C-alpha atoms as a PDB file:
ATOM      1  CA  MET A   1     149.068 -87.642  80.076  1.00  0.00           C
ATOM      2  CA  THR A   2     150.388 -84.382  78.801  1.00  0.00           C
ATOM      3  CA  ALA A   3     154.035 -83.869  79.671  1.00  0.00           C
ATOM      4  CA  GLY A   4     154.633 -81.663  82.691  1.00  0.00           C
ATOM      5  CA  SER A   5     151.091 -81.941  84.031  1.00  0.00           C
ATOM      6  CA  ASP A   6     149.395 -84.363  86.386  1.00  0.00           C
ATOM      7  CA  ALA A   7     145.919 -83.342  85.233  1.00  0.00           C
ATOM      8  CA  LEU A   8     144.067 -85.404  82.649  1.00  0.00           C
ATOM      9  CA  ARG A   9     143.326 -83.243  79.622  1.00  0.00           C
ATOM     10  CA  VAL A  10     139.803 -83.798  78.318  1.00  0.00           C
ATOM     11  CA  LEU A  11     138.480 -82.978  74.856  1.00  0.00           C
ATOM     12  CA  ILE A  12     134.698 -82.607  74.501  1.00  0.00           C
ATOM     13  CA  ILE A  13     132.857 -82.988  71.170  1.00  0.00           C
ATOM     14  CA  GLU A  14     129.157 -82.315  71.639  1.00  0.00           C
ATOM     15  CA  ASP A  15     126.820 -80.268  69.432  1.00  0.00           C
ATOM     16  CA  ASP A  16     124.248 -79.488  72.144  1.00  0.00           C
ATOM     17  CA  ARG A  17     125.651 -76.213  73.461  1.00  0.00           C
ATOM     18  CA  ARG A  18     123.957 -76.371  76.850  1.00  0.00           C
ATOM     19  CA  TYR A  19     125.064 -79.939  77.514  1.00  0.00           C
ATOM     20  CA  ARG A  20     128.561 -79.217  76.190  1.00  0.00           C
ATOM     21  CA  ASP A  21     128.854 -76.253  78.548  1.00  0.00           C
ATOM     22  CA  SER A  22     127.766 -78.411  81.489  1.00  0.00           C
ATOM     23  CA  LEU A  23     130.399 -81.009  80.616  1.00  0.00           C
ATOM     24  CA  ALA A  24     133.062 -78.333  80.202  1.00  0.00           C
ATOM     25  CA  THR A  25     132.156 -76.827  83.574  1.00  0.00           C
ATOM     26  CA  LEU A  26     132.275 -80.250  85.236  1.00  0.00           C
ATOM     27  CA  VAL A  27     135.719 -81.005  83.805  1.00  0.00           C
ATOM     28  CA  ALA A  28     137.138 -77.546  84.497  1.00  0.00           C
ATOM     29  CA  ASN A  29     136.012 -77.659  88.136  1.00  0.00           C
ATOM     30  CA  THR A  30     137.096 -81.219  88.937  1.00  0.00           C
ATOM     31  CA  PRO A  31     140.519 -81.650  90.589  1.00  0.00           C
ATOM     32  CA  GLY A  32     142.807 -83.768  88.440  1.00  0.00           C
ATOM     33  CA  LEU A  33     140.966 -82.914  85.214  1.00  0.00           C
ATOM     34  CA  GLN A  34     141.696 -80.123  82.767  1.00  0.00           C
ATOM     35  CA  LEU A  35     139.602 -78.970  79.830  1.00  0.00           C
ATOM     36  CA  ALA A  36     141.758 -79.281  76.711  1.00  0.00           C
ATOM     37  CA  ALA A  37     139.055 -77.958  74.346  1.00  0.00           C
ATOM     38  CA  ASP A  38     135.366 -78.249  73.611  1.00  0.00           C
ATOM     39  CA  HIS A  39     133.855 -78.279  70.123  1.00  0.00           C
ATOM     40  CA  GLY A  40     130.337 -78.447  68.770  1.00  0.00           C
ATOM     41  CA  ALA A  41     131.412 -79.666  65.322  1.00  0.00           C
ATOM     42  CA  PRO A  42     133.586 -82.739  64.681  1.00  0.00           C
ATOM     43  CA  LEU A  43     135.578 -81.224  61.803  1.00  0.00           C
ATOM     44  CA  ALA A  44     136.664 -78.345  64.035  1.00  0.00           C
ATOM     45  CA  ALA A  45     137.689 -80.845  66.714  1.00  0.00           C
ATOM     46  CA  LEU A  46     139.671 -82.925  64.220  1.00  0.00           C
ATOM     47  CA  ASP A  47     141.381 -79.805  62.863  1.00  0.00           C
ATOM     48  CA  TRP A  48     142.247 -78.702  66.416  1.00  0.00           C
ATOM     49  CA  THR A  49     143.626 -82.164  67.206  1.00  0.00           C
ATOM     50  CA  GLU A  50     145.826 -82.183  64.117  1.00  0.00           C
ATOM     51  CA  ARG A  51     147.112 -78.641  64.706  1.00  0.00           C
ATOM     52  CA  THR A  52     147.914 -79.162  68.394  1.00  0.00           C
ATOM     53  CA  GLY A  53     149.406 -82.630  68.042  1.00  0.00           C
ATOM     54  CA  ALA A  54     146.630 -84.388  69.971  1.00  0.00           C
ATOM     55  CA  THR A  55     147.297 -82.771  73.350  1.00  0.00           C
ATOM     56  CA  PHE A  56     144.539 -84.564  75.242  1.00  0.00           C
ATOM     57  CA  ASP A  57     144.212 -87.776  77.235  1.00  0.00           C
ATOM     58  CA  VAL A  58     140.474 -88.484  77.008  1.00  0.00           C
ATOM     59  CA  ALA A  59     137.893 -87.409  74.423  1.00  0.00           C
ATOM     60  CA  ILE A  60     134.172 -87.426  75.181  1.00  0.00           C
ATOM     61  CA  ILE A  61     132.280 -87.765  71.895  1.00  0.00           C
ATOM     62  CA  ASP A  62     128.557 -87.563  71.213  1.00  0.00           C
ATOM     63  CA  ILE A  63     127.219 -90.175  68.787  1.00  0.00           C
ATOM     64  CA  GLU A  64     124.837 -87.824  66.963  1.00  0.00           C
ATOM     65  CA  LEU A  65     126.940 -85.004  65.496  1.00  0.00           C
ATOM     66  CA  PRO A  66     126.621 -82.694  62.481  1.00  0.00           C
ATOM     67  CA  GLN A  67     129.031 -83.139  59.532  1.00  0.00           C
ATOM     68  CA  LEU A  68     130.284 -86.537  60.709  1.00  0.00           C
ATOM     69  CA  SER A  69     128.804 -89.209  62.950  1.00  0.00           C
ATOM     70  CA  GLY A  70     130.371 -89.690  66.333  1.00  0.00           C
ATOM     71  CA  ILE A  71     131.579 -93.104  65.195  1.00  0.00           C
ATOM     72  CA  GLU A  72     133.384 -91.683  62.163  1.00  0.00           C
ATOM     73  CA  THR A  73     134.771 -88.915  64.342  1.00  0.00           C
ATOM     74  CA  ALA A  74     136.135 -91.522  66.764  1.00  0.00           C
ATOM     75  CA  ARG A  75     137.675 -93.443  63.868  1.00  0.00           C
ATOM     76  CA  ARG A  76     139.507 -90.356  62.610  1.00  0.00           C
ATOM     77  CA  LEU A  77     140.532 -89.275  66.101  1.00  0.00           C
ATOM     78  CA  ARG A  78     141.994 -92.727  66.715  1.00  0.00           C
ATOM     79  CA  GLY A  79     144.305 -92.149  63.752  1.00  0.00           C
ATOM     80  CA  LEU A  80     145.364 -88.728  65.048  1.00  0.00           C
ATOM     81  CA  ALA A  81     145.619 -89.654  68.725  1.00  0.00           C
ATOM     82  CA  PRO A  82     146.337 -93.385  69.023  1.00  0.00           C
ATOM     83  CA  ASP A  83     147.165 -93.191  72.741  1.00  0.00           C
ATOM     84  CA  ALA A  84     144.100 -91.203  73.818  1.00  0.00           C
ATOM     85  CA  ALA A  85     141.003 -92.798  75.347  1.00  0.00           C
ATOM     86  CA  LEU A  86     137.808 -92.155  73.376  1.00  0.00           C
ATOM     87  CA  VAL A  87     134.536 -92.339  75.306  1.00  0.00           C
ATOM     88  CA  MET A  88     131.198 -92.192  73.496  1.00  0.00           C
ATOM     89  CA  LEU A  89     128.462 -90.372  75.405  1.00  0.00           C
ATOM     90  CA  THR A  90     124.916 -90.686  74.101  1.00  0.00           C
ATOM     91  CA  VAL A  91     121.237 -91.230  74.810  1.00  0.00           C
ATOM     92  CA  PHE A  92     121.222 -94.267  72.515  1.00  0.00           C
ATOM     93  CA  GLU A  93     121.659 -97.802  73.806  1.00  0.00           C
ATOM     94  CA  ASP A  94     121.492 -99.723  70.520  1.00  0.00           C
ATOM     95  CA  PRO A  95     123.886-102.717  70.777  1.00  0.00           C
ATOM     96  CA  GLN A  96     124.913-102.559  67.113  1.00  0.00           C
ATOM     97  CA  THR A  97     125.832 -98.880  67.438  1.00  0.00           C
ATOM     98  CA  ILE A  98     127.796 -99.659  70.572  1.00  0.00           C
ATOM     99  CA  LEU A  99     129.815-102.350  68.800  1.00  0.00           C
ATOM    100  CA  GLU A 100     130.406-100.091  65.797  1.00  0.00           C
ATOM    101  CA  ALA A 101     131.773 -97.447  68.153  1.00  0.00           C
ATOM    102  CA  ILE A 102     134.081 -99.955  69.808  1.00  0.00           C
ATOM    103  CA  CYS A 103     135.319-101.190  66.451  1.00  0.00           C
ATOM    104  CA  ALA A 104     135.993 -97.565  65.479  1.00  0.00           C
ATOM    105  CA  GLY A 105     138.388 -97.304  68.411  1.00  0.00           C
ATOM    106  CA  ALA A 106     136.175 -96.166  71.270  1.00  0.00           C
ATOM    107  CA  SER A 107     137.457 -97.077  74.726  1.00  0.00           C
ATOM    108  CA  GLY A 108     134.036 -96.960  76.326  1.00  0.00           C
ATOM    109  CA  TYR A 109     130.377 -96.096  75.876  1.00  0.00           C
ATOM    110  CA  LEU A 110     128.303 -94.214  78.435  1.00  0.00           C
ATOM    111  CA  LEU A 111     124.737 -92.955  78.504  1.00  0.00           C
ATOM    112  CA  LYS A 112     124.032 -89.244  78.977  1.00  0.00           C
ATOM    113  CA  SER A 113     121.993 -90.187  82.018  1.00  0.00           C
ATOM    114  CA  THR A 114     125.273 -91.089  83.756  1.00  0.00           C
ATOM    115  CA  SER A 115     125.685 -88.981  86.900  1.00  0.00           C
ATOM    116  CA  ALA A 116     128.386 -86.314  87.065  1.00  0.00           C
ATOM    117  CA  ARG A 117     130.222 -88.236  89.778  1.00  0.00           C
ATOM    118  CA  GLU A 118     130.158 -91.462  87.775  1.00  0.00           C
ATOM    119  CA  LEU A 119     131.212 -89.674  84.591  1.00  0.00           C
ATOM    120  CA  VAL A 120     134.287 -88.265  86.329  1.00  0.00           C
ATOM    121  CA  ALA A 121     135.139 -91.725  87.650  1.00  0.00           C
ATOM    122  CA  GLN A 122     134.733 -93.224  84.178  1.00  0.00           C
ATOM    123  CA  ILE A 123     136.907 -90.543  82.571  1.00  0.00           C
ATOM    124  CA  ARG A 124     139.670 -91.455  84.982  1.00  0.00           C
ATOM    125  CA  ALA A 125     139.094 -95.169  84.386  1.00  0.00           C
ATOM    126  CA  ALA A 126     139.324 -94.685  80.617  1.00  0.00           C
ATOM    127  CA  ALA A 127     142.591 -92.753  80.956  1.00  0.00           C
ATOM    128  CA  ALA A 128     143.965 -95.606  83.079  1.00  0.00           C
ATOM    129  CA  GLY A 129     143.183 -98.109  80.343  1.00  0.00           C
ATOM    130  CA  GLY A 130     139.761 -99.246  81.484  1.00  0.00           C
ATOM    131  CA  ALA A 131     136.650 -99.742  79.355  1.00  0.00           C
ATOM    132  CA  PRO A 132     133.932 -97.581  80.908  1.00  0.00           C
ATOM    133  CA  MET A 133     130.376 -98.749  80.233  1.00  0.00           C
ATOM    134  CA  THR A 134     127.145 -98.322  82.126  1.00  0.00           C
ATOM    135  CA  ALA A 135     125.701-101.621  83.348  1.00  0.00           C
ATOM    136  CA  SER A 136     122.892-101.627  80.767  1.00  0.00           C
ATOM    137  CA  VAL A 137     125.328-100.943  77.923  1.00  0.00           C
ATOM    138  CA  ALA A 138     127.640-103.719  79.100  1.00  0.00           C
ATOM    139  CA  ARG A 139     124.708-106.148  79.137  1.00  0.00           C
ATOM    140  CA  SER A 140     123.776-105.106  75.599  1.00  0.00           C
ATOM    141  CA  VAL A 141     127.306-105.698  74.334  1.00  0.00           C
ATOM    142  CA  LEU A 142     127.521-109.096  75.988  1.00  0.00           C
ATOM    143  CA  GLU A 143     124.139-110.107  74.572  1.00  0.00           C
ATOM    144  CA  ILE A 144     124.876-109.205  70.967  1.00  0.00           C
ATOM    145  CA  THR A 145     128.383-110.661  70.988  1.00  0.00           C
ATOM    146  CA  ARG A 146     127.053-113.911  72.453  1.00  0.00           C
ATOM    147  CA  ARG A 147     124.396-114.054  69.748  1.00  0.00           C
ATOM    148  CA  ILE A 148     127.006-113.449  67.058  1.00  0.00           C
ATOM    149  CA  ALA A 149     129.307-116.056  68.538  1.00  0.00           C
ATOM    150  CA  GLY A 150     126.507-118.599  68.773  1.00  0.00           C
ATOM    151  CA  HIS A 151     125.355-117.969  65.210  1.00  0.00           C
ATOM    152  CA  GLU A 152     128.690-117.752  63.419  1.00  0.00           C
ATOM    153  CA  LEU A 153     130.951-119.954  65.492  1.00  0.00           C
ATOM    154  CA  ALA A 154     128.762-122.901  66.473  1.00  0.00           C
ATOM    155  CA  GLY A 155     130.835-126.044  66.241  1.00  0.00           C
ATOM    156  CA  THR A 156     134.032-124.117  65.543  1.00  0.00           C
ATOM    157  CA  PRO A 157     136.875-124.754  67.966  1.00  0.00           C
ATOM    158  CA  PRO A 158     138.064-121.569  69.663  1.00  0.00           C
ATOM    159  CA  SER A 159     141.298-120.051  68.389  1.00  0.00           C
ATOM    160  CA  ARG A 160     143.703-118.975  71.117  1.00  0.00           C
ATOM    161  CA  LEU A 161     145.807-116.840  68.761  1.00  0.00           C
ATOM    162  CA  ALA A 162     148.879-118.073  70.643  1.00  0.00           C
ATOM    163  CA  LEU A 163     147.764-116.332  73.840  1.00  0.00           C
ATOM    164  CA  THR A 164     149.820-117.273  76.872  1.00  0.00           C
ATOM    165  CA  ALA A 165     148.088-118.612  79.974  1.00  0.00           C
ATOM    166  CA  ARG A 166     148.647-115.302  81.761  1.00  0.00           C
ATOM    167  CA  GLU A 167     147.309-113.297  78.812  1.00  0.00           C
ATOM    168  CA  GLN A 168     144.185-115.460  78.898  1.00  0.00           C
ATOM    169  CA  ASP A 169     143.863-114.756  82.642  1.00  0.00           C
ATOM    170  CA  VAL A 170     144.044-111.006  81.983  1.00  0.00           C
ATOM    171  CA  LEU A 171     141.537-111.248  79.144  1.00  0.00           C
ATOM    172  CA  ARG A 172     139.097-113.259  81.292  1.00  0.00           C
ATOM    173  CA  ALA A 173     139.366-110.614  84.003  1.00  0.00           C
ATOM    174  CA  PHE A 174     138.529-107.861  81.532  1.00  0.00           C
ATOM    175  CA  VAL A 175     135.537-109.840  80.263  1.00  0.00           C
ATOM    176  CA  ARG A 176     134.330-109.892  83.875  1.00  0.00           C
ATOM    177  CA  GLY A 177     134.635-106.108  83.963  1.00  0.00           C
ATOM    178  CA  LEU A 178     137.691-105.749  86.202  1.00  0.00           C
ATOM    179  CA  SER A 179     139.908-102.657  86.021  1.00  0.00           C
ATOM    180  CA  TYR A 180     143.698-102.709  85.577  1.00  0.00           C
ATOM    181  CA  GLN A 181     144.142-102.285  89.340  1.00  0.00           C
ATOM    182  CA  GLN A 182     141.703-105.092  90.135  1.00  0.00           C
ATOM    183  CA  VAL A 183     143.404-107.393  87.615  1.00  0.00           C
ATOM    184  CA  ALA A 184     146.784-106.664  89.210  1.00  0.00           C
ATOM    185  CA  VAL A 185     145.458-107.472  92.688  1.00  0.00           C
ATOM    186  CA  GLU A 186     143.668-110.639  91.567  1.00  0.00           C
ATOM    187  CA  LEU A 187     146.716-111.998  89.714  1.00  0.00           C
ATOM    188  CA  GLY A 188     149.235-110.797  92.295  1.00  0.00           C
ATOM    189  CA  VAL A 189     151.254-108.753  89.820  1.00  0.00           C
ATOM    190  CA  SER A 190     152.120-105.087  89.325  1.00  0.00           C
ATOM    191  CA  ILE A 191     150.149-102.606  87.213  1.00  0.00           C
ATOM    192  CA  ASP A 192     153.144-102.429  84.839  1.00  0.00           C
ATOM    193  CA  THR A 193     152.971-106.202  84.356  1.00  0.00           C
ATOM    194  CA  VAL A 194     149.261-105.952  83.542  1.00  0.00           C
ATOM    195  CA  ARG A 195     150.015-103.181  81.033  1.00  0.00           C
ATOM    196  CA  SER A 196     152.667-105.381  79.429  1.00  0.00           C
ATOM    197  CA  HIS A 197     150.162-108.220  79.014  1.00  0.00           C
ATOM    198  CA  VAL A 198     147.605-105.754  77.609  1.00  0.00           C
ATOM    199  CA  ARG A 199     150.061-104.519  74.985  1.00  0.00           C
ATOM    200  CA  ALA A 200     150.658-108.125  73.935  1.00  0.00           C
ATOM    201  CA  LEU A 201     146.903-108.772  73.815  1.00  0.00           C
ATOM    202  CA  TYR A 202     146.293-105.703  71.672  1.00  0.00           C
ATOM    203  CA  LYS A 203     148.932-106.838  69.196  1.00  0.00           C
ATOM    204  CA  LYS A 204     147.642-110.422  68.988  1.00  0.00           C
ATOM    205  CA  LEU A 205     143.968-109.480  68.872  1.00  0.00           C
ATOM    206  CA  GLN A 206     144.615-106.510  66.557  1.00  0.00           C
ATOM    207  CA  VAL A 207     142.605-104.115  68.727  1.00  0.00           C
ATOM    208  CA  HIS A 208     143.278-100.753  70.375  1.00  0.00           C
ATOM    209  CA  SER A 209     141.143-100.797  73.518  1.00  0.00           C
ATOM    210  CA  VAL A 210     140.046-103.067  76.346  1.00  0.00           C
ATOM    211  CA  ALA A 211     136.448-102.824  75.136  1.00  0.00           C
ATOM    212  CA  ALA A 212     137.438-104.075  71.680  1.00  0.00           C
ATOM    213  CA  ALA A 213     139.515-106.867  73.237  1.00  0.00           C
ATOM    214  CA  VAL A 214     136.508-107.975  75.296  1.00  0.00           C
ATOM    215  CA  ALA A 215     134.249-107.931  72.235  1.00  0.00           C
ATOM    216  CA  ARG A 216     136.827-109.927  70.268  1.00  0.00           C
ATOM    217  CA  ALA A 217     137.237-112.415  73.119  1.00  0.00           C
ATOM    218  CA  ILE A 218     133.519-113.076  73.381  1.00  0.00           C
ATOM    219  CA  HIS A 219     132.957-113.112  69.615  1.00  0.00           C
ATOM    220  CA  GLY A 220     135.847-115.521  69.033  1.00  0.00           C
ATOM    221  CA  ARG A 221     135.285-117.613  72.187  1.00  0.00           C
ATOM    222  CA  LEU A 222     138.864-116.950  73.214  1.00  0.00           C
ATOM    223  CA  VAL A 223     138.240-117.306  76.961  1.00  0.00           C
END
């Protein structure tokens, strides 16, 4: 979070002015959230991010944008704001696009049909280190990663990448869709301990989000 503030600062990148205004209004009027900026063009958003030093906690990014795709925008934002959560918001549910977004550094992927209440909850979950996905999107990701794993890794023994038993427990919990808090309760440890295991997982799996770790786990049959 931004220093000196308890509110989560949210950046919105959406070219549909009416929808962008509705998102901005939702964020601005929700306790605990603060609108950092809203942009209709990705290059303007990237320029703002670079000039301000990435003063946001969560970015909501449309997939279909002018100038740059939402995926390329996420990739560049990840370089400018490595600690921020990037959530893709779109009408598309194509599994390949979802995986490309995750590989680009997206923390989650939500459909525009997501209710306002659920969107707020998912923004908070993303900021807390979760991997927000609607149920249908999560099923799509699991399906394509299982197909890839079955096609490319049949007969290949799983590589554990030197994961500890506890790191494997945390990874399994994330694959099941649990949040940081739920993982902590299930394993009987503190949130800080879960975060420590997550940092180790990110380093070993060479990923930057829970969603990417889950995709890597399923693809590589790590759990």
